[in-house]
PDB file of N, CA and C in Angstrom:
ATOM      1  N   MET A   1       0.777  -1.171   0.038  1.00  0.00           N
ATOM      2  CA  MET A   1      -0.113  -0.267  -0.034  1.00  0.00           C
ATOM      3  C   MET A   1       0.870   1.010  -0.216  1.00  0.00           C
ATOM      4  N   ALA A   2       1.886   1.385   0.871  1.00  0.00           N
ATOM      5  CA  ALA A   2       2.862   2.317   0.638  1.00  0.00           C
ATOM      6  C   ALA A   2       3.481   2.684  -0.451  1.00  0.00           C
ATOM      7  N   SER A   3       3.649   1.716  -0.946  1.00  0.00           N
ATOM      8  CA  SER A   3       4.612   1.918  -2.744  1.00  0.00           C
ATOM      9  C   SER A   3       3.515   2.449  -3.621  1.00  0.00           C
ATOM     10  N   MET A   4       2.190   2.468  -3.277  1.00  0.00           N
ATOM     11  CA  MET A   4       1.164   2.976  -4.395  1.00  0.00           C
ATOM     12  C   MET A   4       1.014   4.542  -3.689  1.00  0.00           C
ATOM     13  N   LEU A   5       1.457   4.928  -2.836  1.00  0.00           N
ATOM     14  CA  LEU A   5       1.596   6.523  -2.636  1.00  0.00           C
ATOM     15  C   LEU A   5       2.828   7.244  -3.423  1.00  0.00           C
ATOM     16  N   CYS A   6       2.154   8.182  -4.102  1.00  0.00           N
ATOM     17  CA  CYS A   6       3.572   8.721  -4.959  1.00  0.00           C
ATOM     18  C   CYS A   6       3.446  10.442  -4.592  1.00  0.00           C
ATOM     19  N   SER A   7       4.330  10.709  -4.431  1.00  0.00           N
ATOM     20  CA  SER A   7       4.589  12.234  -3.940  1.00  0.00           C
ATOM     21  C   SER A   7       4.966  13.001  -5.395  1.00  0.00           C
ATOM     22  N   TYR A   8       4.351  13.518  -5.850  1.00  0.00           N
ATOM     23  CA  TYR A   8       4.820  14.542  -6.829  1.00  0.00           C
ATOM     24  C   TYR A   8       4.227  16.161  -6.558  1.00  0.00           C
ATOM     25  N   SER A   9       5.274  16.887  -7.475  1.00  0.00           N
ATOM     26  CA  SER A   9       5.041  18.272  -7.553  1.00  0.00           C
ATOM     27  C   SER A   9       4.066  18.890  -8.903  1.00  0.00           C
ATOM     28  N   VAL A  10       3.476  19.593  -8.542  1.00  0.00           N
ATOM     29  CA  VAL A  10       3.087  20.298  -9.785  1.00  0.00           C
ATOM     30  C   VAL A  10       3.643  21.940 -10.294  1.00  0.00           C
ATOM     31  N   SER A  11       4.426  22.109 -11.271  1.00  0.00           N
ATOM     32  CA  SER A  11       4.857  23.252 -11.378  1.00  0.00           C
ATOM     33  C   SER A  11       4.061  24.231 -12.479  1.00  0.00           C
ATOM     34  N   MET A  12       4.264  25.331 -11.691  1.00  0.00           N
ATOM     35  CA  MET A  12       3.187  26.563 -12.427  1.00  0.00           C
ATOM     36  C   MET A  12       3.982  27.674 -12.811  1.00  0.00           C
ATOM     37  N   PRO A  13       3.950  28.478 -13.774  1.00  0.00           N
ATOM     38  CA  PRO A  13       4.474  29.264 -14.063  1.00  0.00           C
ATOM     39  C   PRO A  13       4.324  30.452 -13.262  1.00  0.00           C
ATOM     40  N   ALA A  14       5.190  31.194 -12.833  1.00  0.00           N
ATOM     41  CA  ALA A  14       5.253  32.383 -11.683  1.00  0.00           C
ATOM     42  C   ALA A  14       4.022  33.425 -12.013  1.00  0.00           C
ATOM     43  N   ALA A  15       3.558  33.591 -13.378  1.00  0.00           N
ATOM     44  CA  ALA A  15       2.736  34.468 -13.748  1.00  0.00           C
ATOM     45  C   ALA A  15       1.064  33.808 -13.444  1.00  0.00           C
ATOM     46  N   ALA A  16       0.988  32.558 -13.510  1.00  0.00           N
ATOM     47  CA  ALA A  16      -0.338  31.741 -13.137  1.00  0.00           C
ATOM     48  C   ALA A  16      -0.365  31.486 -11.590  1.00  0.00           C
ATOM     49  N   ARG A  17       0.484  31.791 -10.812  1.00  0.00           N
ATOM     50  CA  ARG A  17       0.369  31.350  -9.484  1.00  0.00           C
ATOM     51  C   ARG A  17      -0.003  32.732  -8.739  1.00  0.00           C
ATOM     52  N   ALA A  18       0.551  33.722  -9.262  1.00  0.00           N
ATOM     53  CA  ALA A  18       0.279  35.330  -8.611  1.00  0.00           C
ATOM     54  C   ALA A  18      -1.158  35.673  -8.307  1.00  0.00           C
ATOM     55  N   PRO A  19      -2.133  35.374  -9.208  1.00  0.00           N
ATOM     56  CA  PRO A  19      -3.564  35.805  -8.990  1.00  0.00           C
ATOM     57  C   PRO A  19      -3.999  34.711  -7.893  1.00  0.00           C
ATOM     58  N   LEU A  20      -3.680  33.835  -7.723  1.00  0.00           N
ATOM     59  CA  LEU A  20      -4.049  32.924  -6.863  1.00  0.00           C
ATOM     60  C   LEU A  20      -3.827  33.301  -5.603  1.00  0.00           C
ATOM     61  N   LEU A  21      -2.490  33.394  -5.488  1.00  0.00           N
ATOM     62  CA  LEU A  21      -1.850  34.301  -3.968  1.00  0.00           C
ATOM     63  C   LEU A  21      -2.747  35.492  -3.936  1.00  0.00           C
ATOM     64  N   ARG A  22      -2.809  36.527  -4.778  1.00  0.00           N
ATOM     65  CA  ARG A  22      -3.815  37.609  -4.385  1.00  0.00           C
ATOM     66  C   ARG A  22      -4.677  37.305  -3.638  1.00  0.00           C
ATOM     67  N   SER A  23      -5.824  36.802  -4.586  1.00  0.00           N
ATOM     68  CA  SER A  23      -7.153  36.196  -4.031  1.00  0.00           C
ATOM     69  C   SER A  23      -7.085  35.796  -3.061  1.00  0.00           C
ATOM     70  N   SER A  24      -6.465  34.732  -2.474  1.00  0.00           N
ATOM     71  CA  SER A  24      -6.509  34.409  -0.975  1.00  0.00           C
ATOM     72  C   SER A  24      -6.273  34.827  -0.260  1.00  0.00           C
ATOM     73  N   ALA A  25      -5.014  35.939  -0.085  1.00  0.00           N
ATOM     74  CA  ALA A  25      -5.000  36.680   1.167  1.00  0.00           C
ATOM     75  C   ALA A  25      -5.750  37.911   1.194  1.00  0.00           C
ATOM     76  N   SER A  26      -6.498  38.111   0.139  1.00  0.00           N
ATOM     77  CA  SER A  26      -7.552  39.165   0.354  1.00  0.00           C
ATOM     78  C   SER A  26      -8.960  38.679   1.115  1.00  0.00           C
ATOM     79  N   SER A  27      -9.147  37.262   0.812  1.00  0.00           N
ATOM     80  CA  SER A  27     -10.403  36.786   1.216  1.00  0.00           C
ATOM     81  C   SER A  27     -10.352  36.831   2.782  1.00  0.00           C
ATOM     82  N   SER A  28      -8.993  36.387   3.388  1.00  0.00           N
ATOM     83  CA  SER A  28      -8.890  36.172   5.051  1.00  0.00           C
ATOM     84  C   SER A  28      -9.064  37.248   5.919  1.00  0.00           C
ATOM     85  N   ALA A  29      -9.555  38.655   5.133  1.00  0.00           N
ATOM     86  CA  ALA A  29      -9.626  39.398   6.046  1.00  0.00           C
ATOM     87  C   ALA A  29     -10.918  39.419   6.711  1.00  0.00           C
ATOM     88  N   PRO A  30     -11.584  39.836   7.954  1.00  0.00           N
ATOM     89  CA  PRO A  30     -12.731  40.014   8.182  1.00  0.00           C
ATOM     90  C   PRO A  30     -13.717  40.615   7.868  1.00  0.00           C
ATOM     91  N   SER A  31     -14.932  40.403   7.183  1.00  0.00           N
ATOM     92  CA  SER A  31     -15.520  41.021   6.636  1.00  0.00           C
ATOM     93  C   SER A  31     -17.234  41.930   7.377  1.00  0.00           C
ATOM     94  N   VAL A  32     -17.089  41.119   8.602  1.00  0.00           N
ATOM     95  CA  VAL A  32     -18.259  41.367   9.159  1.00  0.00           C
ATOM     96  C   VAL A  32     -18.156  42.501  10.207  1.00  0.00           C
ATOM     97  N   GLY A  33     -19.540  43.340   9.715  1.00  0.00           N
ATOM     98  CA  GLY A  33     -19.679  44.550  10.656  1.00  0.00           C
ATOM     99  C   GLY A  33     -18.790  45.758   9.896  1.00  0.00           C
ATOM    100  N   VAL A  34     -17.940  45.561   9.058  1.00  0.00           N
ATOM    101  CA  VAL A  34     -16.966  46.592   8.657  1.00  0.00           C
ATOM    102  C   VAL A  34     -17.588  47.591   8.470  1.00  0.00           C
ATOM    103  N   GLY A  35     -18.584  47.951   7.840  1.00  0.00           N
ATOM    104  CA  GLY A  35     -18.706  49.603   7.368  1.00  0.00           C
ATOM    105  C   GLY A  35     -19.876  50.391   8.764  1.00  0.00           C
ATOM    106  N   ARG A  36     -20.440  49.203   9.741  1.00  0.00           N
ATOM    107  CA  ARG A  36     -21.202  49.546  10.945  1.00  0.00           C
ATOM    108  C   ARG A  36     -20.200  50.499  12.321  1.00  0.00           C
ATOM    109  N   ILE A  37     -19.610  51.212  11.675  1.00  0.00           N
ATOM    110  CA  ILE A  37     -18.937  51.869  12.880  1.00  0.00           C
ATOM    111  C   ILE A  37     -19.314  53.364  13.214  1.00  0.00           C
ATOM    112  N   CYS A  38     -19.279  53.722  14.062  1.00  0.00           N
ATOM    113  CA  CYS A  38     -19.948  55.329  14.205  1.00  0.00           C
ATOM    114  C   CYS A  38     -18.301  56.034  14.416  1.00  0.00           C
ATOM    115  N   PRO A  39     -18.207  56.854  13.125  1.00  0.00           N
ATOM    116  CA  PRO A  39     -17.301  57.594  13.401  1.00  0.00           C
ATOM    117  C   PRO A  39     -16.826  58.571  14.000  1.00  0.00           C
ATOM    118  N   PHE A  40     -17.666  59.226  15.167  1.00  0.00           N
ATOM    119  CA  PHE A  40     -17.590  59.839  15.938  1.00  0.00           C
ATOM    120  C   PHE A  40     -17.115  59.326  17.615  1.00  0.00           C
ATOM    121  N   LEU A  41     -17.608  58.103  17.894  1.00  0.00           N
ATOM    122  CA  LEU A  41     -17.509  57.620  19.076  1.00  0.00           C
ATOM    123  C   LEU A  41     -16.806  56.295  19.031  1.00  0.00           C
ATOM    124  N   GLU A  42     -16.563  55.641  17.691  1.00  0.00           N
ATOM    125  CA  GLU A  42     -15.926  54.514  17.172  1.00  0.00           C
ATOM    126  C   GLU A  42     -16.518  53.373  17.865  1.00  0.00           C
ATOM    127  N   LYS A  43     -17.829  53.373  17.959  1.00  0.00           N
ATOM    128  CA  LYS A  43     -18.713  52.109  18.568  1.00  0.00           C
ATOM    129  C   LYS A  43     -18.640  51.478  17.359  1.00  0.00           C
ATOM    130  N   LYS A  44     -18.452  50.157  17.689  1.00  0.00           N
ATOM    131  CA  LYS A  44     -18.759  49.042  16.621  1.00  0.00           C
ATOM    132  C   LYS A  44     -19.411  47.878  16.905  1.00  0.00           C
ATOM    133  N   THR A  45     -19.626  46.738  16.211  1.00  0.00           N
ATOM    134  CA  THR A  45     -20.473  45.733  16.625  1.00  0.00           C
ATOM    135  C   THR A  45     -19.912  45.038  17.755  1.00  0.00           C
ATOM    136  N   ASN A  46     -20.531  44.501  18.868  1.00  0.00           N
ATOM    137  CA  ASN A  46     -20.123  43.591  19.723  1.00  0.00           C
ATOM    138  C   ASN A  46     -20.657  42.276  19.663  1.00  0.00           C
ATOM    139  N   ARG A  47     -19.868  41.341  19.834  1.00  0.00           N
ATOM    140  CA  ARG A  47     -20.414  39.935  19.852  1.00  0.00           C
ATOM    141  C   ARG A  47     -20.580  39.721  21.263  1.00  0.00           C
ATOM    142  N   ALA A  48     -21.742  38.943  21.390  1.00  0.00           N
ATOM    143  CA  ALA A  48     -22.194  38.628  22.643  1.00  0.00           C
ATOM    144  C   ALA A  48     -22.968  37.209  22.573  1.00  0.00           C
ATOM    145  N   ASN A  49     -23.534  36.614  23.403  1.00  0.00           N
ATOM    146  CA  ASN A  49     -24.094  35.337  23.487  1.00  0.00           C
ATOM    147  C   ASN A  49     -25.563  35.332  23.884  1.00  0.00           C
ATOM    148  N   LYS A  50     -25.969  34.514  22.856  1.00  0.00           N
ATOM    149  CA  LYS A  50     -27.874  34.563  22.879  1.00  0.00           C
ATOM    150  C   LYS A  50     -27.768  33.283  23.600  1.00  0.00           C
ATOM    151  N   VAL A  51     -28.521  33.480  24.902  1.00  0.00           N
ATOM    152  CA  VAL A  51     -28.791  32.236  25.703  1.00  0.00           C
ATOM    153  C   VAL A  51     -30.454  31.714  25.817  1.00  0.00           C
ATOM    154  N   SER A  52     -30.439  30.687  25.441  1.00  0.00           N
ATOM    155  CA  SER A  52     -31.616  30.110  25.349  1.00  0.00           C
ATOM    156  C   SER A  52     -32.181  29.326  26.931  1.00  0.00           C
ATOM    157  N   PHE A  53     -33.373  29.083  26.721  1.00  0.00           N
ATOM    158  CA  PHE A  53     -33.786  28.685  28.382  1.00  0.00           C
ATOM    159  C   PHE A  53     -33.166  27.815  29.012  1.00  0.00           C
ATOM    160  N   SER A  54     -32.605  26.903  28.183  1.00  0.00           N
ATOM    161  CA  SER A  54     -31.535  25.581  28.641  1.00  0.00           C
ATOM    162  C   SER A  54     -30.113  26.036  28.703  1.00  0.00           C
ATOM    163  N   ASN A  55     -30.153  27.178  28.551  1.00  0.00           N
ATOM    164  CA  ASN A  55     -28.561  27.765  29.146  1.00  0.00           C
ATOM    165  C   ASN A  55     -27.631  27.377  28.013  1.00  0.00           C
ATOM    166  N   HIS A  56     -28.353  27.117  26.701  1.00  0.00           N
ATOM    167  CA  HIS A  56     -27.317  26.775  25.535  1.00  0.00           C
ATOM    168  C   HIS A  56     -27.196  28.286  24.722  1.00  0.00           C
ATOM    169  N   LYS A  57     -25.741  28.453  24.649  1.00  0.00           N
ATOM    170  CA  LYS A  57     -25.307  29.680  24.358  1.00  0.00           C
ATOM    171  C   LYS A  57     -25.339  29.567  22.736  1.00  0.00           C
ATOM    172  N   THR A  58     -25.110  30.718  21.987  1.00  0.00           N
ATOM    173  CA  THR A  58     -24.819  30.953  20.418  1.00  0.00           C
ATOM    174  C   THR A  58     -24.380  32.248  20.417  1.00  0.00           C
ATOM    175  N   LYS A  59     -23.622  32.337  19.426  1.00  0.00           N
ATOM    176  CA  LYS A  59     -22.810  33.892  19.129  1.00  0.00           C
ATOM    177  C   LYS A  59     -24.023  34.524  18.621  1.00  0.00           C
ATOM    178  N   LYS A  60     -23.931  36.037  18.821  1.00  0.00           N
ATOM    179  CA  LYS A  60     -24.955  36.839  18.066  1.00  0.00           C
ATOM    180  C   LYS A  60     -24.219  37.936  17.981  1.00  0.00           C
ATOM    181  N   GLN A  61     -24.725  38.919  17.088  1.00  0.00           N
ATOM    182  CA  GLN A  61     -24.066  40.285  16.827  1.00  0.00           C
ATOM    183  C   GLN A  61     -25.205  41.188  17.401  1.00  0.00           C
ATOM    184  N   GLN A  62     -24.553  42.484  18.170  1.00  0.00           N
ATOM    185  CA  GLN A  62     -25.416  43.599  18.493  1.00  0.00           C
ATOM    186  C   GLN A  62     -24.721  44.476  17.575  1.00  0.00           C
ATOM    187  N   PHE A  63     -25.632  45.289  16.819  1.00  0.00           N
ATOM    188  CA  PHE A  63     -24.901  46.235  16.036  1.00  0.00           C
ATOM    189  C   PHE A  63     -25.329  47.511  16.643  1.00  0.00           C
ATOM    190  N   VAL A  64     -24.429  48.630  16.246  1.00  0.00           N
ATOM    191  CA  VAL A  64     -24.494  50.071  16.529  1.00  0.00           C
ATOM    192  C   VAL A  64     -25.873  50.426  15.652  1.00  0.00           C
ATOM    193  N   ASN A  65     -26.787  51.107  16.508  1.00  0.00           N
ATOM    194  CA  ASN A  65     -27.965  51.887  16.320  1.00  0.00           C
ATOM    195  C   ASN A  65     -27.240  53.151  15.302  1.00  0.00           C
ATOM    196  N   LEU A  66     -26.904  52.936  14.241  1.00  0.00           N
ATOM    197  CA  LEU A  66     -26.677  54.046  13.275  1.00  0.00           C
ATOM    198  C   LEU A  66     -27.965  54.619  12.474  1.00  0.00           C
ATOM    199  N   GLN A  67     -27.849  55.950  12.465  1.00  0.00           N
ATOM    200  CA  GLN A  67     -28.902  56.962  11.837  1.00  0.00           C
ATOM    201  C   GLN A  67     -28.259  57.715  10.791  1.00  0.00           C
ATOM    202  N   TYR A  68     -29.073  57.916   9.581  1.00  0.00           N
ATOM    203  CA  TYR A  68     -28.565  59.141   8.849  1.00  0.00           C
ATOM    204  C   TYR A  68     -29.150  60.517   9.341  1.00  0.00           C
ATOM    205  N   LYS A  69     -28.546  61.301   9.715  1.00  0.00           N
ATOM    206  CA  LYS A  69     -28.942  62.647  10.248  1.00  0.00           C
ATOM    207  C   LYS A  69     -28.512  64.000   9.391  1.00  0.00           C
ATOM    208  N   LYS A  70     -29.284  64.882   9.226  1.00  0.00           N
ATOM    209  CA  LYS A  70     -28.844  66.154   8.398  1.00  0.00           C
ATOM    210  C   LYS A  70     -28.758  67.025   9.668  1.00  0.00           C
ATOM    211  N   LEU A  71     -27.731  67.871  10.338  1.00  0.00           N
ATOM    212  CA  LEU A  71     -27.196  68.534  11.275  1.00  0.00           C
ATOM    213  C   LEU A  71     -26.982  69.811  10.750  1.00  0.00           C
ATOM    214  N   TRP A  72     -27.520  70.990  11.562  1.00  0.00           N
ATOM    215  CA  TRP A  72     -26.892  72.214  11.328  1.00  0.00           C
ATOM    216  C   TRP A  72     -25.851  72.382  11.677  1.00  0.00           C
ATOM    217  N   TRP A  73     -24.714  72.916  10.874  1.00  0.00           N
ATOM    218  CA  TRP A  73     -23.341  73.327  11.125  1.00  0.00           C
ATOM    219  C   TRP A  73     -23.240  74.841  11.247  1.00  0.00           C
ATOM    220  N   GLU A  74     -22.987  75.290  12.389  1.00  0.00           N
ATOM    221  CA  GLU A  74     -23.223  76.745  12.553  1.00  0.00           C
ATOM    222  C   GLU A  74     -22.120  77.100  12.169  1.00  0.00           C
ATOM    223  N   ALA A  75     -20.740  76.857  12.203  1.00  0.00           N
ATOM    224  CA  ALA A  75     -19.683  77.511  11.715  1.00  0.00           C
ATOM    225  C   ALA A  75     -19.343  77.291   9.881  1.00  0.00           C
ATOM    226  N   GLY A  76     -20.304  76.315   9.458  1.00  0.00           N
ATOM    227  CA  GLY A  76     -20.035  76.325   7.943  1.00  0.00           C
ATOM    228  C   GLY A  76     -21.403  76.948   7.571  1.00  0.00           C
ATOM    229  N   LYS A  77     -22.425  77.099   8.236  1.00  0.00           N
ATOM    230  CA  LYS A  77     -23.434  77.550   8.075  1.00  0.00           C
ATOM    231  C   LYS A  77     -24.480  77.207   6.813  1.00  0.00           C
ATOM    232  N   ARG A  78     -24.659  75.625   7.400  1.00  0.00           N
ATOM    233  CA  ARG A  78     -24.981  74.803   6.175  1.00  0.00           C
ATOM    234  C   ARG A  78     -25.005  73.554   6.912  1.00  0.00           C
ATOM    235  N   TYR A  79     -26.224  72.660   6.346  1.00  0.00           N
ATOM    236  CA  TYR A  79     -26.442  71.296   6.888  1.00  0.00           C
ATOM    237  C   TYR A  79     -25.295  70.606   6.419  1.00  0.00           C
ATOM    238  N   VAL A  80     -25.328  69.363   7.766  1.00  0.00           N
ATOM    239  CA  VAL A  80     -24.218  68.464   7.058  1.00  0.00           C
ATOM    240  C   VAL A  80     -24.919  67.158   7.185  1.00  0.00           C
ATOM    241  N   LYS A  81     -24.843  66.089   6.119  1.00  0.00           N
ATOM    242  CA  LYS A  81     -25.618  64.890   6.314  1.00  0.00           C
ATOM    243  C   LYS A  81     -24.341  63.922   7.139  1.00  0.00           C
ATOM    244  N   LEU A  82     -24.762  63.291   8.007  1.00  0.00           N
ATOM    245  CA  LEU A  82     -23.714  62.389   8.893  1.00  0.00           C
ATOM    246  C   LEU A  82     -24.733  60.950   8.983  1.00  0.00           C
ATOM    247  N   ARG A  83     -23.757  59.907   9.209  1.00  0.00           N
ATOM    248  CA  ARG A  83     -24.138  58.764   9.438  1.00  0.00           C
ATOM    249  C   ARG A  83     -23.585  58.450  11.208  1.00  0.00           C
ATOM    250  N   LEU A  84     -24.378  58.395  11.929  1.00  0.00           N
ATOM    251  CA  LEU A  84     -23.693  58.403  13.126  1.00  0.00           C
ATOM    252  C   LEU A  84     -24.905  57.862  14.243  1.00  0.00           C
ATOM    253  N   SER A  85     -24.270  57.109  15.544  1.00  0.00           N
ATOM    254  CA  SER A  85     -24.900  56.461  16.544  1.00  0.00           C
ATOM    255  C   SER A  85     -25.799  57.541  17.286  1.00  0.00           C
ATOM    256  N   THR A  86     -26.671  56.717  17.796  1.00  0.00           N
ATOM    257  CA  THR A  86     -27.692  57.657  18.649  1.00  0.00           C
ATOM    258  C   THR A  86     -27.096  58.259  20.161  1.00  0.00           C
ATOM    259  N   LYS A  87     -26.297  57.577  20.074  1.00  0.00           N
ATOM    260  CA  LYS A  87     -25.320  57.819  21.250  1.00  0.00           C
ATOM    261  C   LYS A  87     -24.713  59.166  20.801  1.00  0.00           C
ATOM    262  N   ALA A  88     -23.634  59.126  19.975  1.00  0.00           N
ATOM    263  CA  ALA A  88     -23.068  60.290  19.307  1.00  0.00           C
ATOM    264  C   ALA A  88     -24.120  61.399  19.195  1.00  0.00           C
ATOM    265  N   LEU A  89     -25.405  61.134  18.798  1.00  0.00           N
ATOM    266  CA  LEU A  89     -26.362  62.290  18.406  1.00  0.00           C
ATOM    267  C   LEU A  89     -26.678  63.074  19.866  1.00  0.00           C
ATOM    268  N   LYS A  90     -26.710  62.038  21.347  1.00  0.00           N
ATOM    269  CA  LYS A  90     -26.891  62.728  22.288  1.00  0.00           C
ATOM    270  C   LYS A  90     -25.768  63.512  23.034  1.00  0.00           C
ATOM    271  N   THR A  91     -24.395  62.947  22.274  1.00  0.00           N
ATOM    272  CA  THR A  91     -23.277  63.569  22.833  1.00  0.00           C
ATOM    273  C   THR A  91     -23.137  65.015  21.720  1.00  0.00           C
ATOM    274  N   ILE A  92     -23.322  65.014  20.767  1.00  0.00           N
ATOM    275  CA  ILE A  92     -23.286  66.538  20.057  1.00  0.00           C
ATOM    276  C   ILE A  92     -24.326  67.503  20.678  1.00  0.00           C
ATOM    277  N   GLU A  93     -25.855  66.771  20.644  1.00  0.00           N
ATOM    278  CA  GLU A  93     -26.686  67.765  21.756  1.00  0.00           C
ATOM    279  C   GLU A  93     -25.873  68.624  22.828  1.00  0.00           C
ATOM    280  N   LYS A  94     -25.167  67.610  23.579  1.00  0.00           N
ATOM    281  CA  LYS A  94     -24.535  68.137  25.038  1.00  0.00           C
ATOM    282  C   LYS A  94     -23.390  68.891  24.584  1.00  0.00           C
ATOM    283  N   HIS A  95     -22.598  68.503  23.716  1.00  0.00           N
ATOM    284  CA  HIS A  95     -21.110  69.518  23.484  1.00  0.00           C
ATOM    285  C   HIS A  95     -21.209  70.133  22.296  1.00  0.00           C
ATOM    286  N   GLY A  96     -21.984  69.886  21.352  1.00  0.00           N
ATOM    287  CA  GLY A  96     -22.174  70.789  20.077  1.00  0.00           C
ATOM    288  C   GLY A  96     -21.289  69.937  19.179  1.00  0.00           C
ATOM    289  N   LEU A  97     -21.614  70.341  17.762  1.00  0.00           N
ATOM    290  CA  LEU A  97     -21.209  69.450  16.660  1.00  0.00           C
ATOM    291  C   LEU A  97     -19.822  69.604  16.465  1.00  0.00           C
ATOM    292  N   ASP A  98     -19.588  71.085  16.688  1.00  0.00           N
ATOM    293  CA  ASP A  98     -17.627  71.246  16.127  1.00  0.00           C
ATOM    294  C   ASP A  98     -17.029  70.761  17.239  1.00  0.00           C
ATOM    295  N   ALA A  99     -17.340  70.603  18.424  1.00  0.00           N
ATOM    296  CA  ALA A  99     -16.463  69.794  19.545  1.00  0.00           C
ATOM    297  C   ALA A  99     -16.106  68.455  19.206  1.00  0.00           C
ATOM    298  N   VAL A 100     -17.313  68.040  19.130  1.00  0.00           N
ATOM    299  CA  VAL A 100     -17.182  66.431  19.036  1.00  0.00           C
ATOM    300  C   VAL A 100     -16.661  65.893  17.846  1.00  0.00           C
ATOM    301  N   ALA A 101     -16.552  66.818  16.801  1.00  0.00           N
ATOM    302  CA  ALA A 101     -15.992  66.456  15.155  1.00  0.00           C
ATOM    303  C   ALA A 101     -14.125  66.480  15.668  1.00  0.00           C
ATOM    304  N   LYS A 102     -14.142  67.891  16.324  1.00  0.00           N
ATOM    305  CA  LYS A 102     -12.640  67.956  16.347  1.00  0.00           C
ATOM    306  C   LYS A 102     -12.093  66.874  17.391  1.00  0.00           C
ATOM    307  N   LYS A 103     -12.957  66.522  18.510  1.00  0.00           N
ATOM    308  CA  LYS A 103     -12.043  65.679  19.325  1.00  0.00           C
ATOM    309  C   LYS A 103     -12.202  64.105  18.316  1.00  0.00           C
ATOM    310  N   ALA A 104     -13.134  63.697  17.606  1.00  0.00           N
ATOM    311  CA  ALA A 104     -12.965  62.775  16.737  1.00  0.00           C
ATOM    312  C   ALA A 104     -12.059  62.764  15.525  1.00  0.00           C
ATOM    313  N   GLY A 105     -11.718  63.767  15.015  1.00  0.00           N
ATOM    314  CA  GLY A 105     -10.682  64.255  14.098  1.00  0.00           C
ATOM    315  C   GLY A 105     -11.393  64.058  12.739  1.00  0.00           C
ATOM    316  N   ILE A 106     -12.720  64.731  12.910  1.00  0.00           N
ATOM    317  CA  ILE A 106     -13.385  64.683  11.675  1.00  0.00           C
ATOM    318  C   ILE A 106     -13.282  65.791  11.101  1.00  0.00           C
ATOM    319  N   ASP A 107     -13.125  66.289   9.641  1.00  0.00           N
ATOM    320  CA  ASP A 107     -13.147  67.332   8.814  1.00  0.00           C
ATOM    321  C   ASP A 107     -14.812  67.597   8.227  1.00  0.00           C
ATOM    322  N   LEU A 108     -15.336  68.150   8.911  1.00  0.00           N
ATOM    323  CA  LEU A 108     -16.664  68.553   8.473  1.00  0.00           C
ATOM    324  C   LEU A 108     -16.875  69.445   6.870  1.00  0.00           C
ATOM    325  N   ASN A 109     -15.800  69.824   6.528  1.00  0.00           N
ATOM    326  CA  ASN A 109     -15.779  70.654   5.435  1.00  0.00           C
ATOM    327  C   ASN A 109     -16.088  69.286   3.941  1.00  0.00           C
ATOM    328  N   LYS A 110     -15.452  68.200   4.221  1.00  0.00           N
ATOM    329  CA  LYS A 110     -15.440  67.035   3.391  1.00  0.00           C
ATOM    330  C   LYS A 110     -16.977  66.758   3.445  1.00  0.00           C
ATOM    331  N   LYS A 111     -17.930  66.599   4.861  1.00  0.00           N
ATOM    332  CA  LYS A 111     -19.049  66.092   4.567  1.00  0.00           C
ATOM    333  C   LYS A 111     -20.121  67.038   3.555  1.00  0.00           C
TER     334      LYS A 111
END
């Protein structure tokens, strides 16, 4: 039986191997919850356990409550359309849009 096993190598030109290597490297990056991040508070998806009555735990995701809002930007004298979490909206109401954007490093001129 051992004599039937044969080890061999398949040779491929480097040009044919390159696309295979690139495609496998990019697919290994995590793609879960990539766009669901609040830019103001850096809130992101939380991984939690869903617990049944029998105490059986399965993984679930708790997403950030992101909303599209048009806010008046006093310094720019115009409305700015933003995608932010409801927690960030409360923070903006308390401290002001300019202060929160400056702390987060967001340039409102580009929005």
